[in-house]
Amino acid sequence: MSTVQLASAAPRRQRGRSLAQFFAYFILFIGLAVTLVPFIWILMTSLKPASEIVRIPPTFFPEQWTFNSYQTIFADPKVPLARFYLNSTFVAVARVVITLFTSSLAGYIFAKFTFRGKNLLFGFILIQLMIPFQVVMIPAYLILVQLRLIDSLWGLVIPSMVDAFGIFLMRQFISTFPNDLIDAARIDGAGEFTVYRRVVMPNLGAPLATLGIFTFMATWNDYLWPLIVITTHEKRTLPLLLTWYTSQHGQRYDLTMAASILVLLPILVVYIFFQRWIVRGVALTGMK
């Protein structure tokens, strides 16, 4: 009797798992659609002629494919696109390199060193995660005025050289790092910075990649701080270019959408190629 009941219960469990899997995939599909449809709409709109964009009822896919909007942007003498890309790349790369260095070094100190006031100091760093940037924006601006870095690309880098989230992320990961390797390096005569550079850093690939991607994406999309600091047209970053171009061609939706694609394209490429590092870094950081 029990054998018959077990045999009949197995298909029910299988159907239950299949139904749960179906609902899981359905929810993921809905989330994917909500995420991708706006971007696809922007891309399709940038490939339509201006007359088709304002047509009622609207069309999702272009009936007449054209790249005129992109050609117009590349040929516009008021839009030195290569210069704007160079500005954004310089700011993003500089912030990534400096943030990775300061975060990993501070994370190593908080994870593997014991000193008076350590927990209190780390608590102050965590408090920075709760303070919006708008609160410290005016003091940061006044500091840049004293340093004479207004209207300078370095003015976009210096206020973000130390990142509280990066220190927290590095500290959480380095805390799981075996002390035996560090002690062995010290016994061999390595100094603390040598231990950090040759023992700790080579084992931080996943969290460093994760923090680098997060920092790059945040910097590339940053709008408010460059708007305040940068005053010269040639020193603007891509988000400022997008706002300026929209104000100049507000009724040309094809040009606006094409400019949006040009701004988003690099960060999408970075995310697509390095997204596995984000998952790996977050997963490993939470392991003990």
C-alpha atoms as a PDB file:
ATOM      1  CA  MET A   1       0.000   0.000   0.000  1.00  0.00           C
ATOM      2  CA  SER A   2       2.778   2.438   0.926  1.00  0.00           C
ATOM      3  CA  THR A   3       4.604   1.596  -2.285  1.00  0.00           C
ATOM      4  CA  VAL A   4       1.529   2.572  -4.331  1.00  0.00           C
ATOM      5  CA  GLN A   5       1.166   5.839  -2.416  1.00  0.00           C
ATOM      6  CA  LEU A   6       4.805   6.721  -2.950  1.00  0.00           C
ATOM      7  CA  ALA A   7       4.509   5.932  -6.658  1.00  0.00           C
ATOM      8  CA  SER A   8       1.459   8.200  -6.992  1.00  0.00           C
ATOM      9  CA  ALA A   9       3.059  10.989  -4.943  1.00  0.00           C
ATOM     10  CA  ALA A  10       6.130  11.198  -7.188  1.00  0.00           C
ATOM     11  CA  PRO A  11       4.240  12.515 -10.275  1.00  0.00           C
ATOM     12  CA  ARG A  12       2.441  15.071  -8.067  1.00  0.00           C
ATOM     13  CA  ARG A  13       5.753  16.368  -6.745  1.00  0.00           C
ATOM     14  CA  GLN A  14       7.099  16.498 -10.280  1.00  0.00           C
ATOM     15  CA  ARG A  15       4.056  18.490 -11.453  1.00  0.00           C
ATOM     16  CA  GLY A  16       4.455  20.823  -8.461  1.00  0.00           C
ATOM     17  CA  ARG A  17       8.090  21.478  -9.319  1.00  0.00           C
ATOM     18  CA  SER A  18       7.224  22.039 -12.962  1.00  0.00           C
ATOM     19  CA  LEU A  19       4.487  24.494 -12.029  1.00  0.00           C
ATOM     20  CA  ALA A  20       6.812  26.402  -9.675  1.00  0.00           C
ATOM     21  CA  GLN A  21       9.474  26.495 -12.369  1.00  0.00           C
ATOM     22  CA  PHE A  22       6.933  27.804 -14.880  1.00  0.00           C
ATOM     23  CA  PHE A  23       5.901  30.654 -12.569  1.00  0.00           C
ATOM     24  CA  ALA A  24       9.552  31.469 -11.858  1.00  0.00           C
ATOM     25  CA  TYR A  25      10.353  31.731 -15.560  1.00  0.00           C
ATOM     26  CA  PHE A  26       7.162  33.717 -16.147  1.00  0.00           C
ATOM     27  CA  ILE A  27       8.122  36.278 -13.506  1.00  0.00           C
ATOM     28  CA  LEU A  28      11.644  36.492 -14.926  1.00  0.00           C
ATOM     29  CA  PHE A  29      10.205  37.035 -18.407  1.00  0.00           C
ATOM     30  CA  ILE A  30       7.991  39.864 -17.156  1.00  0.00           C
ATOM     31  CA  GLY A  31      10.973  41.475 -15.454  1.00  0.00           C
ATOM     32  CA  LEU A  32      13.070  41.105 -18.605  1.00  0.00           C
ATOM     33  CA  ALA A  33      10.324  42.681 -20.727  1.00  0.00           C
ATOM     34  CA  VAL A  34       9.912  45.618 -18.346  1.00  0.00           C
ATOM     35  CA  THR A  35      13.667  46.174 -18.428  1.00  0.00           C
ATOM     36  CA  LEU A  36      14.322  45.764 -22.149  1.00  0.00           C
ATOM     37  CA  VAL A  37      11.223  47.242 -23.808  1.00  0.00           C
ATOM     38  CA  PRO A  38      12.064  50.910 -23.000  1.00  0.00           C
ATOM     39  CA  PHE A  39      15.605  50.501 -24.311  1.00  0.00           C
ATOM     40  CA  ILE A  40      14.418  48.725 -27.467  1.00  0.00           C
ATOM     41  CA  TRP A  41      11.846  51.489 -27.978  1.00  0.00           C
ATOM     42  CA  ILE A  42      14.604  54.131 -27.770  1.00  0.00           C
ATOM     43  CA  LEU A  43      16.737  52.172 -30.245  1.00  0.00           C
ATOM     44  CA  MET A  44      13.884  51.691 -32.693  1.00  0.00           C
ATOM     45  CA  THR A  45      12.894  55.361 -32.429  1.00  0.00           C
ATOM     46  CA  SER A  46      16.446  56.449 -33.240  1.00  0.00           C
ATOM     47  CA  LEU A  47      16.237  54.427 -36.468  1.00  0.00           C
ATOM     48  CA  LYS A  48      12.976  56.025 -37.647  1.00  0.00           C
ATOM     49  CA  PRO A  49      12.555  59.139 -39.782  1.00  0.00           C
ATOM     50  CA  ALA A  50      11.213  62.162 -37.891  1.00  0.00           C
ATOM     51  CA  SER A  51       7.848  61.987 -39.668  1.00  0.00           C
ATOM     52  CA  GLU A  52       7.258  58.379 -38.620  1.00  0.00           C
ATOM     53  CA  ILE A  53       7.993  59.075 -34.943  1.00  0.00           C
ATOM     54  CA  VAL A  54       5.023  61.461 -34.569  1.00  0.00           C
ATOM     55  CA  ARG A  55       2.650  59.254 -36.542  1.00  0.00           C
ATOM     56  CA  ILE A  56      -0.628  58.219 -34.888  1.00  0.00           C
ATOM     57  CA  PRO A  57      -0.950  55.357 -34.146  1.00  0.00           C
ATOM     58  CA  PRO A  58       2.756  54.890 -33.399  1.00  0.00           C
ATOM     59  CA  THR A  59       4.814  52.046 -34.780  1.00  0.00           C
ATOM     60  CA  PHE A  60       7.182  49.978 -32.646  1.00  0.00           C
ATOM     61  CA  PHE A  61       9.534  48.824 -35.400  1.00  0.00           C
ATOM     62  CA  PRO A  62      10.519  51.301 -38.130  1.00  0.00           C
ATOM     63  CA  GLU A  63       8.711  50.975 -41.419  1.00  0.00           C
ATOM     64  CA  GLN A  64      11.570  52.876 -43.032  1.00  0.00           C
ATOM     65  CA  TRP A  65      14.974  52.181 -41.479  1.00  0.00           C
ATOM     66  CA  THR A  66      17.391  55.112 -41.509  1.00  0.00           C
ATOM     67  CA  PHE A  67      20.645  56.146 -39.824  1.00  0.00           C
ATOM     68  CA  ASN A  68      20.215  59.832 -40.646  1.00  0.00           C
ATOM     69  CA  SER A  69      19.929  60.782 -36.966  1.00  0.00           C
ATOM     70  CA  TYR A  70      23.331  59.258 -36.176  1.00  0.00           C
ATOM     71  CA  GLN A  71      24.883  60.829 -39.264  1.00  0.00           C
ATOM     72  CA  THR A  72      23.516  64.227 -38.198  1.00  0.00           C
ATOM     73  CA  ILE A  73      25.055  63.923 -34.741  1.00  0.00           C
ATOM     74  CA  PHE A  74      28.465  62.817 -36.060  1.00  0.00           C
ATOM     75  CA  ALA A  75      28.485  65.643 -38.608  1.00  0.00           C
ATOM     76  CA  ASP A  76      27.425  68.374 -36.140  1.00  0.00           C
ATOM     77  CA  PRO A  77      30.419  70.721 -35.591  1.00  0.00           C
ATOM     78  CA  LYS A  78      28.972  71.800 -32.226  1.00  0.00           C
ATOM     79  CA  VAL A  79      29.175  68.218 -30.953  1.00  0.00           C
ATOM     80  CA  PRO A  80      32.815  67.049 -30.732  1.00  0.00           C
ATOM     81  CA  LEU A  81      31.662  63.549 -29.857  1.00  0.00           C
ATOM     82  CA  ALA A  82      35.172  62.093 -29.651  1.00  0.00           C
ATOM     83  CA  ARG A  83      36.144  64.778 -27.146  1.00  0.00           C
ATOM     84  CA  PHE A  84      33.110  64.065 -24.960  1.00  0.00           C
ATOM     85  CA  TYR A  85      33.831  60.338 -25.041  1.00  0.00           C
ATOM     86  CA  LEU A  86      37.431  61.060 -24.062  1.00  0.00           C
ATOM     87  CA  ASN A  87      36.307  63.248 -21.150  1.00  0.00           C
ATOM     88  CA  SER A  88      33.909  60.626 -19.802  1.00  0.00           C
ATOM     89  CA  THR A  89      36.462  57.855 -20.277  1.00  0.00           C
ATOM     90  CA  PHE A  90      39.179  59.789 -18.454  1.00  0.00           C
ATOM     91  CA  VAL A  91      36.938  60.591 -15.482  1.00  0.00           C
ATOM     92  CA  ALA A  92      35.532  57.056 -15.270  1.00  0.00           C
ATOM     93  CA  VAL A  93      38.899  55.289 -15.566  1.00  0.00           C
ATOM     94  CA  ALA A  94      40.611  57.650 -13.107  1.00  0.00           C
ATOM     95  CA  ARG A  95      37.872  57.170 -10.528  1.00  0.00           C
ATOM     96  CA  VAL A  96      37.924  53.399 -10.991  1.00  0.00           C
ATOM     97  CA  VAL A  97      41.701  53.111 -10.549  1.00  0.00           C
ATOM     98  CA  ILE A  98      41.853  55.419  -7.516  1.00  0.00           C
ATOM     99  CA  THR A  99      38.769  53.897  -5.896  1.00  0.00           C
ATOM    100  CA  LEU A 100      40.082  50.358  -6.299  1.00  0.00           C
ATOM    101  CA  PHE A 101      43.383  51.309  -4.682  1.00  0.00           C
ATOM    102  CA  THR A 102      41.960  53.240  -1.728  1.00  0.00           C
ATOM    103  CA  SER A 103      39.133  50.764  -1.111  1.00  0.00           C
ATOM    104  CA  SER A 104      41.312  47.659  -1.223  1.00  0.00           C
ATOM    105  CA  LEU A 105      43.996  49.219   0.986  1.00  0.00           C
ATOM    106  CA  ALA A 106      41.505  50.510   3.560  1.00  0.00           C
ATOM    107  CA  GLY A 107      39.571  47.242   3.431  1.00  0.00           C
ATOM    108  CA  TYR A 108      42.775  45.309   4.122  1.00  0.00           C
ATOM    109  CA  ILE A 109      43.569  47.528   7.113  1.00  0.00           C
ATOM    110  CA  PHE A 110      40.095  47.202   8.618  1.00  0.00           C
ATOM    111  CA  ALA A 111      39.980  43.455   7.992  1.00  0.00           C
ATOM    112  CA  LYS A 112      43.414  42.337   9.186  1.00  0.00           C
ATOM    113  CA  PHE A 113      44.720  44.971  11.590  1.00  0.00           C
ATOM    114  CA  THR A 114      43.729  45.684  15.174  1.00  0.00           C
ATOM    115  CA  PHE A 115      44.061  49.225  16.533  1.00  0.00           C
ATOM    116  CA  ARG A 116      42.285  51.513  18.945  1.00  0.00           C
ATOM    117  CA  GLY A 117      39.111  53.062  17.588  1.00  0.00           C
ATOM    118  CA  LYS A 118      38.929  50.651  14.645  1.00  0.00           C
ATOM    119  CA  ASN A 119      35.222  49.816  15.031  1.00  0.00           C
ATOM    120  CA  LEU A 120      34.316  53.451  15.658  1.00  0.00           C
ATOM    121  CA  LEU A 121      36.188  54.621  12.575  1.00  0.00           C
ATOM    122  CA  PHE A 122      34.627  51.901  10.448  1.00  0.00           C
ATOM    123  CA  GLY A 123      31.213  52.945  11.790  1.00  0.00           C
ATOM    124  CA  PHE A 124      31.855  56.508  10.613  1.00  0.00           C
ATOM    125  CA  ILE A 125      32.680  55.139   7.165  1.00  0.00           C
ATOM    126  CA  LEU A 126      29.431  53.170   7.089  1.00  0.00           C
ATOM    127  CA  ILE A 127      27.517  56.314   8.072  1.00  0.00           C
ATOM    128  CA  GLN A 128      28.712  57.859   4.816  1.00  0.00           C
ATOM    129  CA  LEU A 129      26.535  55.339   2.983  1.00  0.00           C
ATOM    130  CA  MET A 130      23.462  56.934   4.573  1.00  0.00           C
ATOM    131  CA  ILE A 131      24.346  60.548   3.700  1.00  0.00           C
ATOM    132  CA  PRO A 132      23.110  61.711   0.263  1.00  0.00           C
ATOM    133  CA  PHE A 133      25.693  63.409  -1.897  1.00  0.00           C
ATOM    134  CA  GLN A 134      23.498  66.503  -2.076  1.00  0.00           C
ATOM    135  CA  VAL A 135      24.231  67.117   1.618  1.00  0.00           C
ATOM    136  CA  VAL A 136      28.009  67.373   1.093  1.00  0.00           C
ATOM    137  CA  MET A 137      27.793  68.891  -2.374  1.00  0.00           C
ATOM    138  CA  ILE A 138      28.260  72.523  -1.287  1.00  0.00           C
ATOM    139  CA  PRO A 139      31.260  71.824   1.016  1.00  0.00           C
ATOM    140  CA  ALA A 140      32.855  69.730  -1.746  1.00  0.00           C
ATOM    141  CA  TYR A 141      32.327  72.577  -4.215  1.00  0.00           C
ATOM    142  CA  LEU A 142      33.919  75.106  -1.849  1.00  0.00           C
ATOM    143  CA  ILE A 143      36.924  72.802  -1.407  1.00  0.00           C
ATOM    144  CA  LEU A 144      37.342  72.593  -5.184  1.00  0.00           C
ATOM    145  CA  VAL A 145      37.190  76.391  -5.364  1.00  0.00           C
ATOM    146  CA  GLN A 146      40.080  76.613  -2.907  1.00  0.00           C
ATOM    147  CA  LEU A 147      41.997  73.981  -4.896  1.00  0.00           C
ATOM    148  CA  ARG A 148      41.232  75.847  -8.138  1.00  0.00           C
ATOM    149  CA  LEU A 149      39.770  72.738  -9.713  1.00  0.00           C
ATOM    150  CA  ILE A 150      36.466  74.200 -10.890  1.00  0.00           C
ATOM    151  CA  ASP A 151      35.950  73.522 -14.610  1.00  0.00           C
ATOM    152  CA  SER A 152      38.529  70.745 -14.450  1.00  0.00           C
ATOM    153  CA  LEU A 153      38.084  67.049 -15.062  1.00  0.00           C
ATOM    154  CA  TRP A 154      40.103  66.352 -11.915  1.00  0.00           C
ATOM    155  CA  GLY A 155      37.396  68.180 -10.025  1.00  0.00           C
ATOM    156  CA  LEU A 156      35.099  65.291 -10.946  1.00  0.00           C
ATOM    157  CA  VAL A 157      37.599  62.706  -9.674  1.00  0.00           C
ATOM    158  CA  ILE A 158      39.014  64.038  -6.413  1.00  0.00           C
ATOM    159  CA  PRO A 159      35.787  64.163  -4.326  1.00  0.00           C
ATOM    160  CA  SER A 160      35.207  60.457  -5.046  1.00  0.00           C
ATOM    161  CA  MET A 161      38.700  59.115  -4.394  1.00  0.00           C
ATOM    162  CA  VAL A 162      37.516  57.325  -1.224  1.00  0.00           C
ATOM    163  CA  ASP A 163      34.329  55.290  -1.509  1.00  0.00           C
ATOM    164  CA  ALA A 164      32.560  54.036   1.626  1.00  0.00           C
ATOM    165  CA  PHE A 165      30.790  51.222  -0.215  1.00  0.00           C
ATOM    166  CA  GLY A 166      34.078  50.103  -1.752  1.00  0.00           C
ATOM    167  CA  ILE A 167      35.788  49.968   1.629  1.00  0.00           C
ATOM    168  CA  PHE A 168      32.888  47.971   3.055  1.00  0.00           C
ATOM    169  CA  LEU A 169      32.928  45.538   0.114  1.00  0.00           C
ATOM    170  CA  MET A 170      36.670  44.985   0.288  1.00  0.00           C
ATOM    171  CA  ARG A 171      36.645  44.586   4.053  1.00  0.00           C
ATOM    172  CA  GLN A 172      33.907  41.938   3.890  1.00  0.00           C
ATOM    173  CA  PHE A 173      35.848  39.911   1.349  1.00  0.00           C
ATOM    174  CA  ILE A 174      39.313  40.282   2.870  1.00  0.00           C
ATOM    175  CA  SER A 175      37.919  39.192   6.253  1.00  0.00           C
ATOM    176  CA  THR A 176      37.516  35.714   4.763  1.00  0.00           C
ATOM    177  CA  PHE A 177      41.114  35.672   3.523  1.00  0.00           C
ATOM    178  CA  PRO A 178      43.307  33.126   5.425  1.00  0.00           C
ATOM    179  CA  ASN A 179      45.608  34.744   7.960  1.00  0.00           C
ATOM    180  CA  ASP A 180      48.141  31.940   7.454  1.00  0.00           C
ATOM    181  CA  LEU A 181      49.174  33.262   4.035  1.00  0.00           C
ATOM    182  CA  ILE A 182      49.651  36.766   5.400  1.00  0.00           C
ATOM    183  CA  ASP A 183      51.632  35.499   8.381  1.00  0.00           C
ATOM    184  CA  ALA A 184      53.804  33.357   6.100  1.00  0.00           C
ATOM    185  CA  ALA A 185      54.658  36.397   3.986  1.00  0.00           C
ATOM    186  CA  ARG A 186      55.542  38.385   7.104  1.00  0.00           C
ATOM    187  CA  ILE A 187      57.780  35.573   8.343  1.00  0.00           C
ATOM    188  CA  ASP A 188      59.578  35.630   4.989  1.00  0.00           C
ATOM    189  CA  GLY A 189      60.395  39.299   5.656  1.00  0.00           C
ATOM    190  CA  ALA A 190      57.783  41.001   3.506  1.00  0.00           C
ATOM    191  CA  GLY A 191      56.657  44.451   4.610  1.00  0.00           C
ATOM    192  CA  GLU A 192      52.994  45.279   5.092  1.00  0.00           C
ATOM    193  CA  PHE A 193      52.644  47.036   1.748  1.00  0.00           C
ATOM    194  CA  THR A 194      54.401  44.124   0.039  1.00  0.00           C
ATOM    195  CA  VAL A 195      51.957  41.733   1.689  1.00  0.00           C
ATOM    196  CA  TYR A 196      49.093  43.889   0.467  1.00  0.00           C
ATOM    197  CA  ARG A 197      50.487  44.124  -3.071  1.00  0.00           C
ATOM    198  CA  ARG A 198      51.727  40.567  -3.607  1.00  0.00           C
ATOM    199  CA  VAL A 199      49.508  38.430  -1.391  1.00  0.00           C
ATOM    200  CA  VAL A 200      46.198  40.208  -0.880  1.00  0.00           C
ATOM    201  CA  MET A 201      45.677  42.004  -4.198  1.00  0.00           C
ATOM    202  CA  PRO A 202      46.135  38.924  -6.475  1.00  0.00           C
ATOM    203  CA  ASN A 203      43.282  37.231  -4.592  1.00  0.00           C
ATOM    204  CA  LEU A 204      40.826  40.130  -4.963  1.00  0.00           C
ATOM    205  CA  GLY A 205      39.957  39.629  -8.624  1.00  0.00           C
ATOM    206  CA  ALA A 206      36.207  39.148  -8.233  1.00  0.00           C
ATOM    207  CA  PRO A 207      35.455  41.931  -5.716  1.00  0.00           C
ATOM    208  CA  LEU A 208      37.799  44.363  -7.489  1.00  0.00           C
ATOM    209  CA  ALA A 209      36.052  43.685 -10.798  1.00  0.00           C
ATOM    210  CA  THR A 210      32.657  44.107  -9.151  1.00  0.00           C
ATOM    211  CA  LEU A 211      33.585  47.399  -7.514  1.00  0.00           C
ATOM    212  CA  GLY A 212      35.243  48.598 -10.707  1.00  0.00           C
ATOM    213  CA  ILE A 213      32.124  47.939 -12.762  1.00  0.00           C
ATOM    214  CA  PHE A 214      29.855  49.615 -10.213  1.00  0.00           C
ATOM    215  CA  THR A 215      32.157  52.644 -10.048  1.00  0.00           C
ATOM    216  CA  PHE A 216      32.461  52.877 -13.821  1.00  0.00           C
ATOM    217  CA  MET A 217      28.702  52.724 -14.325  1.00  0.00           C
ATOM    218  CA  ALA A 218      28.009  55.313 -11.622  1.00  0.00           C
ATOM    219  CA  THR A 219      30.672  57.669 -12.965  1.00  0.00           C
ATOM    220  CA  TRP A 220      29.625  57.332 -16.582  1.00  0.00           C
ATOM    221  CA  ASN A 221      26.005  58.156 -15.708  1.00  0.00           C
ATOM    222  CA  ASP A 222      26.836  60.940 -13.232  1.00  0.00           C
ATOM    223  CA  TYR A 223      25.061  64.165 -14.131  1.00  0.00           C
ATOM    224  CA  LEU A 224      24.602  66.462 -11.128  1.00  0.00           C
ATOM    225  CA  TRP A 225      28.227  66.892 -10.048  1.00  0.00           C
ATOM    226  CA  PRO A 226      29.614  67.474 -13.585  1.00  0.00           C
ATOM    227  CA  LEU A 227      26.788  69.969 -14.156  1.00  0.00           C
ATOM    228  CA  ILE A 228      27.995  71.983 -11.149  1.00  0.00           C
ATOM    229  CA  VAL A 229      31.743  71.702 -11.696  1.00  0.00           C
ATOM    230  CA  ILE A 230      32.117  71.878 -15.475  1.00  0.00           C
ATOM    231  CA  THR A 231      31.391  75.179 -17.224  1.00  0.00           C
ATOM    232  CA  THR A 232      33.291  74.823 -20.510  1.00  0.00           C
ATOM    233  CA  HIS A 233      31.525  73.109 -23.377  1.00  0.00           C
ATOM    234  CA  GLU A 234      34.630  71.163 -24.475  1.00  0.00           C
ATOM    235  CA  LYS A 235      35.079  69.668 -20.990  1.00  0.00           C
ATOM    236  CA  ARG A 236      31.568  68.302 -20.655  1.00  0.00           C
ATOM    237  CA  THR A 237      30.890  64.634 -20.150  1.00  0.00           C
ATOM    238  CA  LEU A 238      28.358  62.598 -22.107  1.00  0.00           C
ATOM    239  CA  PRO A 239      25.362  63.008 -19.721  1.00  0.00           C
ATOM    240  CA  LEU A 240      25.825  66.786 -19.975  1.00  0.00           C
ATOM    241  CA  LEU A 241      26.039  66.447 -23.738  1.00  0.00           C
ATOM    242  CA  LEU A 242      22.749  64.578 -23.766  1.00  0.00           C
ATOM    243  CA  THR A 243      20.980  67.286 -21.761  1.00  0.00           C
ATOM    244  CA  TRP A 244      22.446  70.069 -23.862  1.00  0.00           C
ATOM    245  CA  TYR A 245      21.602  68.303 -27.111  1.00  0.00           C
ATOM    246  CA  THR A 246      18.052  67.681 -25.949  1.00  0.00           C
ATOM    247  CA  SER A 247      17.603  71.370 -25.149  1.00  0.00           C
ATOM    248  CA  GLN A 248      18.936  72.298 -28.588  1.00  0.00           C
ATOM    249  CA  HIS A 249      16.804  69.766 -30.491  1.00  0.00           C
ATOM    250  CA  GLY A 250      13.845  69.176 -28.186  1.00  0.00           C
ATOM    251  CA  GLN A 251      11.398  68.519 -31.035  1.00  0.00           C
ATOM    252  CA  ARG A 252      13.719  66.201 -32.956  1.00  0.00           C
ATOM    253  CA  TYR A 253      12.984  62.993 -31.129  1.00  0.00           C
ATOM    254  CA  ASP A 254      15.074  60.956 -33.540  1.00  0.00           C
ATOM    255  CA  LEU A 255      18.178  63.001 -32.682  1.00  0.00           C
ATOM    256  CA  THR A 256      17.430  62.852 -28.963  1.00  0.00           C
ATOM    257  CA  MET A 257      17.015  59.080 -29.009  1.00  0.00           C
ATOM    258  CA  ALA A 258      20.142  58.606 -31.119  1.00  0.00           C
ATOM    259  CA  ALA A 259      22.150  60.711 -28.660  1.00  0.00           C
ATOM    260  CA  SER A 260      20.769  58.608 -25.801  1.00  0.00           C
ATOM    261  CA  ILE A 261      21.926  55.409 -27.512  1.00  0.00           C
ATOM    262  CA  LEU A 262      25.410  56.837 -28.038  1.00  0.00           C
ATOM    263  CA  VAL A 263      25.630  57.684 -24.339  1.00  0.00           C
ATOM    264  CA  LEU A 264      24.315  54.307 -23.162  1.00  0.00           C
ATOM    265  CA  LEU A 265      26.199  52.082 -25.594  1.00  0.00           C
ATOM    266  CA  PRO A 266      29.607  51.976 -23.840  1.00  0.00           C
ATOM    267  CA  ILE A 267      28.156  51.178 -20.445  1.00  0.00           C
ATOM    268  CA  LEU A 268      25.964  48.445 -21.916  1.00  0.00           C
ATOM    269  CA  VAL A 269      29.000  46.875 -23.544  1.00  0.00           C
ATOM    270  CA  VAL A 270      30.911  46.987 -20.254  1.00  0.00           C
ATOM    271  CA  TYR A 271      28.035  45.434 -18.352  1.00  0.00           C
ATOM    272  CA  ILE A 272      27.413  42.668 -20.896  1.00  0.00           C
ATOM    273  CA  PHE A 273      31.059  41.584 -20.952  1.00  0.00           C
ATOM    274  CA  PHE A 274      31.683  41.839 -17.211  1.00  0.00           C
ATOM    275  CA  GLN A 275      28.339  40.942 -15.653  1.00  0.00           C
ATOM    276  CA  ARG A 276      29.605  37.509 -14.565  1.00  0.00           C
ATOM    277  CA  TRP A 277      32.167  39.244 -12.371  1.00  0.00           C
ATOM    278  CA  ILE A 278      29.374  41.098 -10.576  1.00  0.00           C
ATOM    279  CA  VAL A 279      27.584  37.861  -9.733  1.00  0.00           C
ATOM    280  CA  ARG A 280      30.808  36.130  -8.743  1.00  0.00           C
ATOM    281  CA  GLY A 281      32.018  39.023  -6.615  1.00  0.00           C
ATOM    282  CA  VAL A 282      28.752  39.434  -4.724  1.00  0.00           C
ATOM    283  CA  ALA A 283      28.486  35.678  -4.173  1.00  0.00           C
ATOM    284  CA  LEU A 284      32.031  35.310  -2.897  1.00  0.00           C
ATOM    285  CA  THR A 285      31.798  38.389  -0.687  1.00  0.00           C
ATOM    286  CA  GLY A 286      28.900  36.875   1.235  1.00  0.00           C
ATOM    287  CA  MET A 287      30.644  33.523   1.820  1.00  0.00           C
ATOM    288  CA  LYS A 288      32.390  32.698   5.081  1.00  0.00           C
END
